[in-house]
Amino acid sequence: MLNFRRLKQDFAPTMLKEGKGLFERKAVTSAKILKMSAQTVRLSCRVSGNYDNAYHCEIEIDRKESMTVDSDCDCPHKYDCHHIAAFLFF
């Protein structure tokens, strides 16, 4: 079981607030598991942004430690952005 409280520690408070807003507006779409092992899980999704933009996000999480191993988003922030934060709320 992933520990959401621990995962949130990687994000700035403003990114979490904006991410929660995106989640509440149901901006997260097409979430899926890309790869899963005993140690990690890699997840992918699309998040609708402003001005009809959609962003592709991926996050790899250490399942035992509930820590981000790697994350990527095709938005200007690249990683630990509000799109990935919205994905975590999802």
N, C-alpha and C. Protein backbone atom coordinates (compact mmCIF):
# COMPACT_ATOMS: atom_id res chain seq x y z
N MET A 1 0.84 -1.18 0.00
CA MET A 1 0.00 0.00 0.00
C MET A 1 0.89 1.24 0.00
N LEU A 2 0.62 2.16 -0.91
CA LEU A 2 1.41 3.37 -1.00
C LEU A 2 0.97 4.37 0.07
N ASN A 3 1.93 5.09 0.61
CA ASN A 3 1.67 6.09 1.64
C ASN A 3 1.61 7.46 0.98
N PHE A 4 0.40 7.97 0.77
CA PHE A 4 0.21 9.24 0.08
C PHE A 4 0.88 10.39 0.82
N ARG A 5 0.80 10.40 2.13
CA ARG A 5 1.42 11.47 2.92
C ARG A 5 2.92 11.54 2.66
N ARG A 6 3.54 10.41 2.55
CA ARG A 6 4.99 10.38 2.30
C ARG A 6 5.30 10.82 0.87
N LEU A 7 4.48 10.40 -0.09
CA LEU A 7 4.69 10.79 -1.49
C LEU A 7 4.56 12.30 -1.67
N LYS A 8 3.66 12.94 -0.93
CA LYS A 8 3.43 14.38 -1.06
C LYS A 8 4.64 15.20 -0.64
N GLN A 9 5.53 14.65 0.16
CA GLN A 9 6.68 15.40 0.67
C GLN A 9 7.62 15.86 -0.44
N ASP A 10 7.56 15.25 -1.61
CA ASP A 10 8.43 15.62 -2.72
C ASP A 10 7.97 16.89 -3.44
N PHE A 11 6.79 17.40 -3.09
CA PHE A 11 6.19 18.50 -3.84
C PHE A 11 6.09 19.77 -2.99
N ALA A 12 6.28 20.91 -3.66
CA ALA A 12 6.10 22.20 -3.00
C ALA A 12 4.62 22.38 -2.67
N PRO A 13 4.29 23.08 -1.58
CA PRO A 13 2.89 23.27 -1.20
C PRO A 13 2.03 23.89 -2.31
N THR A 14 2.59 24.81 -3.08
CA THR A 14 1.80 25.41 -4.18
C THR A 14 1.50 24.39 -5.27
N MET A 15 2.44 23.50 -5.56
CA MET A 15 2.21 22.46 -6.56
C MET A 15 1.12 21.51 -6.09
N LEU A 16 1.13 21.18 -4.79
CA LEU A 16 0.09 20.30 -4.25
C LEU A 16 -1.28 20.97 -4.32
N LYS A 17 -1.33 22.25 -4.00
CA LYS A 17 -2.61 22.97 -4.04
C LYS A 17 -3.17 23.02 -5.46
N GLU A 18 -2.31 23.35 -6.43
CA GLU A 18 -2.74 23.39 -7.83
C GLU A 18 -3.10 21.99 -8.32
N GLY A 19 -2.34 20.99 -7.90
CA GLY A 19 -2.63 19.61 -8.28
C GLY A 19 -3.97 19.14 -7.74
N LYS A 20 -4.26 19.51 -6.50
CA LYS A 20 -5.54 19.13 -5.92
C LYS A 20 -6.69 19.77 -6.69
N GLY A 21 -6.50 21.02 -7.12
CA GLY A 21 -7.51 21.70 -7.93
C GLY A 21 -7.75 20.99 -9.26
N LEU A 22 -6.66 20.56 -9.90
CA LEU A 22 -6.79 19.81 -11.16
C LEU A 22 -7.54 18.49 -10.92
N PHE A 23 -7.19 17.82 -9.83
CA PHE A 23 -7.86 16.56 -9.51
C PHE A 23 -9.35 16.79 -9.28
N GLU A 24 -9.68 17.82 -8.53
CA GLU A 24 -11.09 18.10 -8.24
C GLU A 24 -11.88 18.48 -9.49
N ARG A 25 -11.20 19.05 -10.48
CA ARG A 25 -11.86 19.39 -11.75
C ARG A 25 -11.89 18.19 -12.71
N LYS A 26 -11.43 17.04 -12.21
CA LYS A 26 -11.40 15.80 -13.00
C LYS A 26 -10.55 15.94 -14.26
N ALA A 27 -9.39 16.59 -14.09
CA ALA A 27 -8.47 16.81 -15.21
C ALA A 27 -7.59 15.59 -15.51
N VAL A 28 -7.53 14.64 -14.58
CA VAL A 28 -6.70 13.45 -14.79
C VAL A 28 -7.48 12.43 -15.62
N THR A 29 -6.88 12.02 -16.73
CA THR A 29 -7.54 11.06 -17.62
C THR A 29 -6.57 9.95 -17.99
N SER A 30 -7.09 8.87 -18.45
CA SER A 30 -6.35 7.72 -18.99
C SER A 30 -5.18 7.25 -18.12
N ALA A 31 -5.38 7.14 -16.82
CA ALA A 31 -4.35 6.63 -15.92
C ALA A 31 -4.16 5.13 -16.10
N LYS A 32 -2.90 4.71 -16.08
CA LYS A 32 -2.63 3.28 -16.22
C LYS A 32 -1.29 2.91 -15.58
N ILE A 33 -1.17 1.63 -15.27
CA ILE A 33 0.09 1.07 -14.76
C ILE A 33 0.92 0.65 -15.96
N LEU A 34 2.13 1.18 -16.06
CA LEU A 34 3.03 0.81 -17.15
C LEU A 34 3.87 -0.41 -16.80
N LYS A 35 4.34 -0.45 -15.55
CA LYS A 35 5.25 -1.52 -15.14
C LYS A 35 5.14 -1.68 -13.64
N MET A 36 5.12 -2.92 -13.19
CA MET A 36 5.06 -3.15 -11.76
C MET A 36 5.93 -4.34 -11.40
N SER A 37 6.73 -4.14 -10.37
CA SER A 37 7.55 -5.22 -9.83
C SER A 37 7.36 -5.22 -8.32
N ALA A 38 8.04 -6.11 -7.65
CA ALA A 38 7.95 -6.16 -6.18
C ALA A 38 8.50 -4.87 -5.56
N GLN A 39 9.44 -4.22 -6.24
CA GLN A 39 10.08 -3.03 -5.69
C GLN A 39 9.43 -1.73 -6.13
N THR A 40 9.02 -1.62 -7.39
CA THR A 40 8.54 -0.35 -7.92
C THR A 40 7.26 -0.52 -8.74
N VAL A 41 6.60 0.61 -8.92
CA VAL A 41 5.46 0.68 -9.84
C VAL A 41 5.65 1.95 -10.67
N ARG A 42 5.45 1.85 -11.97
CA ARG A 42 5.55 2.99 -12.87
C ARG A 42 4.16 3.24 -13.44
N LEU A 43 3.67 4.47 -13.24
CA LEU A 43 2.32 4.86 -13.63
C LEU A 43 2.37 5.96 -14.68
N SER A 44 1.33 6.02 -15.49
CA SER A 44 1.25 7.01 -16.56
C SER A 44 -0.16 7.58 -16.61
N CYS A 45 -0.28 8.83 -17.02
CA CYS A 45 -1.61 9.42 -17.20
C CYS A 45 -1.51 10.65 -18.12
N ARG A 46 -2.68 11.15 -18.47
CA ARG A 46 -2.79 12.43 -19.17
C ARG A 46 -3.57 13.35 -18.25
N VAL A 47 -3.13 14.61 -18.22
CA VAL A 47 -3.78 15.61 -17.39
C VAL A 47 -4.13 16.80 -18.28
N SER A 48 -5.38 17.19 -18.26
CA SER A 48 -5.81 18.36 -19.02
C SER A 48 -5.34 19.61 -18.30
N GLY A 49 -4.76 20.51 -19.04
CA GLY A 49 -4.28 21.76 -18.47
C GLY A 49 -5.06 22.94 -18.99
N ASN A 50 -4.48 24.10 -18.85
CA ASN A 50 -5.10 25.33 -19.35
C ASN A 50 -5.06 25.39 -20.87
N TYR A 51 -5.97 26.14 -21.44
CA TYR A 51 -5.99 26.42 -22.88
C TYR A 51 -6.04 25.16 -23.73
N ASP A 52 -6.79 24.17 -23.29
CA ASP A 52 -6.97 22.92 -24.02
C ASP A 52 -5.68 22.12 -24.20
N ASN A 53 -4.68 22.37 -23.38
CA ASN A 53 -3.45 21.57 -23.42
C ASN A 53 -3.67 20.29 -22.63
N ALA A 54 -3.00 19.24 -23.04
CA ALA A 54 -2.99 17.98 -22.29
C ALA A 54 -1.54 17.56 -22.10
N TYR A 55 -1.22 17.11 -20.91
CA TYR A 55 0.16 16.75 -20.58
C TYR A 55 0.25 15.27 -20.24
N HIS A 56 1.33 14.66 -20.70
CA HIS A 56 1.59 13.25 -20.40
C HIS A 56 2.53 13.21 -19.20
N CYS A 57 2.15 12.47 -18.18
CA CYS A 57 2.94 12.36 -16.96
C CYS A 57 3.27 10.90 -16.67
N GLU A 58 4.43 10.69 -16.11
CA GLU A 58 4.82 9.37 -15.62
C GLU A 58 5.48 9.55 -14.27
N ILE A 59 5.23 8.59 -13.39
CA ILE A 59 5.89 8.60 -12.09
C ILE A 59 6.24 7.16 -11.72
N GLU A 60 7.44 6.98 -11.21
CA GLU A 60 7.87 5.67 -10.72
C GLU A 60 8.02 5.78 -9.21
N ILE A 61 7.41 4.85 -8.50
CA ILE A 61 7.36 4.91 -7.04
C ILE A 61 7.95 3.64 -6.45
N ASP A 62 8.80 3.82 -5.44
CA ASP A 62 9.31 2.71 -4.66
C ASP A 62 8.15 2.24 -3.78
N ARG A 63 7.68 1.04 -3.99
CA ARG A 63 6.48 0.55 -3.30
C ARG A 63 6.69 0.37 -1.80
N LYS A 64 7.87 -0.03 -1.40
CA LYS A 64 8.12 -0.27 0.03
C LYS A 64 8.28 1.03 0.79
N GLU A 65 9.02 1.97 0.22
CA GLU A 65 9.33 3.22 0.90
C GLU A 65 8.32 4.34 0.60
N SER A 66 7.44 4.13 -0.37
CA SER A 66 6.49 5.17 -0.81
C SER A 66 7.22 6.47 -1.13
N MET A 67 8.27 6.34 -1.94
CA MET A 67 9.06 7.49 -2.36
C MET A 67 9.13 7.51 -3.88
N THR A 68 9.16 8.71 -4.43
CA THR A 68 9.29 8.87 -5.87
C THR A 68 10.71 8.50 -6.30
N VAL A 69 10.82 7.58 -7.24
CA VAL A 69 12.10 7.18 -7.80
C VAL A 69 12.41 8.07 -9.00
N ASP A 70 11.38 8.31 -9.82
CA ASP A 70 11.54 9.11 -11.03
C ASP A 70 10.17 9.67 -11.42
N SER A 71 10.18 10.87 -11.97
CA SER A 71 8.93 11.44 -12.49
C SER A 71 9.25 12.29 -13.70
N ASP A 72 8.26 12.41 -14.57
CA ASP A 72 8.44 13.19 -15.78
C ASP A 72 7.09 13.69 -16.26
N CYS A 73 7.07 14.92 -16.74
CA CYS A 73 5.86 15.50 -17.33
C CYS A 73 6.33 16.33 -18.52
N ASP A 74 5.52 16.38 -19.56
CA ASP A 74 5.95 17.16 -20.73
C ASP A 74 5.54 18.63 -20.64
N CYS A 75 5.18 19.08 -19.43
CA CYS A 75 4.92 20.51 -19.22
C CYS A 75 6.25 21.23 -18.99
N PRO A 76 6.26 22.56 -18.93
CA PRO A 76 7.52 23.29 -18.72
C PRO A 76 8.23 22.97 -17.41
N HIS A 77 7.51 22.51 -16.37
CA HIS A 77 8.14 22.18 -15.09
C HIS A 77 8.93 20.88 -15.15
N LYS A 78 8.54 19.96 -16.01
CA LYS A 78 9.19 18.66 -16.25
C LYS A 78 8.95 17.61 -15.16
N TYR A 79 9.15 17.92 -13.89
CA TYR A 79 8.98 16.94 -12.83
C TYR A 79 8.48 17.64 -11.56
N ASP A 80 7.89 16.84 -10.66
CA ASP A 80 7.32 17.36 -9.42
C ASP A 80 6.43 18.58 -9.65
N CYS A 81 5.64 18.51 -10.70
CA CYS A 81 4.76 19.61 -11.09
C CYS A 81 3.34 19.35 -10.58
N HIS A 82 2.46 20.31 -10.82
CA HIS A 82 1.08 20.18 -10.37
C HIS A 82 0.31 19.11 -11.16
N HIS A 83 0.76 18.78 -12.35
CA HIS A 83 0.11 17.70 -13.10
C HIS A 83 0.38 16.35 -12.44
N ILE A 84 1.61 16.12 -12.02
CA ILE A 84 1.94 14.88 -11.33
C ILE A 84 1.30 14.86 -9.95
N ALA A 85 1.23 16.01 -9.29
CA ALA A 85 0.55 16.09 -8.00
C ALA A 85 -0.92 15.73 -8.16
N ALA A 86 -1.57 16.19 -9.23
CA ALA A 86 -2.97 15.84 -9.49
C ALA A 86 -3.09 14.33 -9.66
N PHE A 87 -2.12 13.73 -10.32
CA PHE A 87 -2.10 12.28 -10.52
C PHE A 87 -2.04 11.55 -9.19
N LEU A 88 -1.23 12.05 -8.25
CA LEU A 88 -1.14 11.43 -6.94
C LEU A 88 -2.47 11.51 -6.19
N PHE A 89 -3.17 12.64 -6.30
CA PHE A 89 -4.48 12.77 -5.67
C PHE A 89 -5.47 11.77 -6.31
N PHE A 90 -5.31 11.55 -7.60
CA PHE A 90 -6.16 10.61 -8.32
C PHE A 90 -6.01 9.21 -7.77
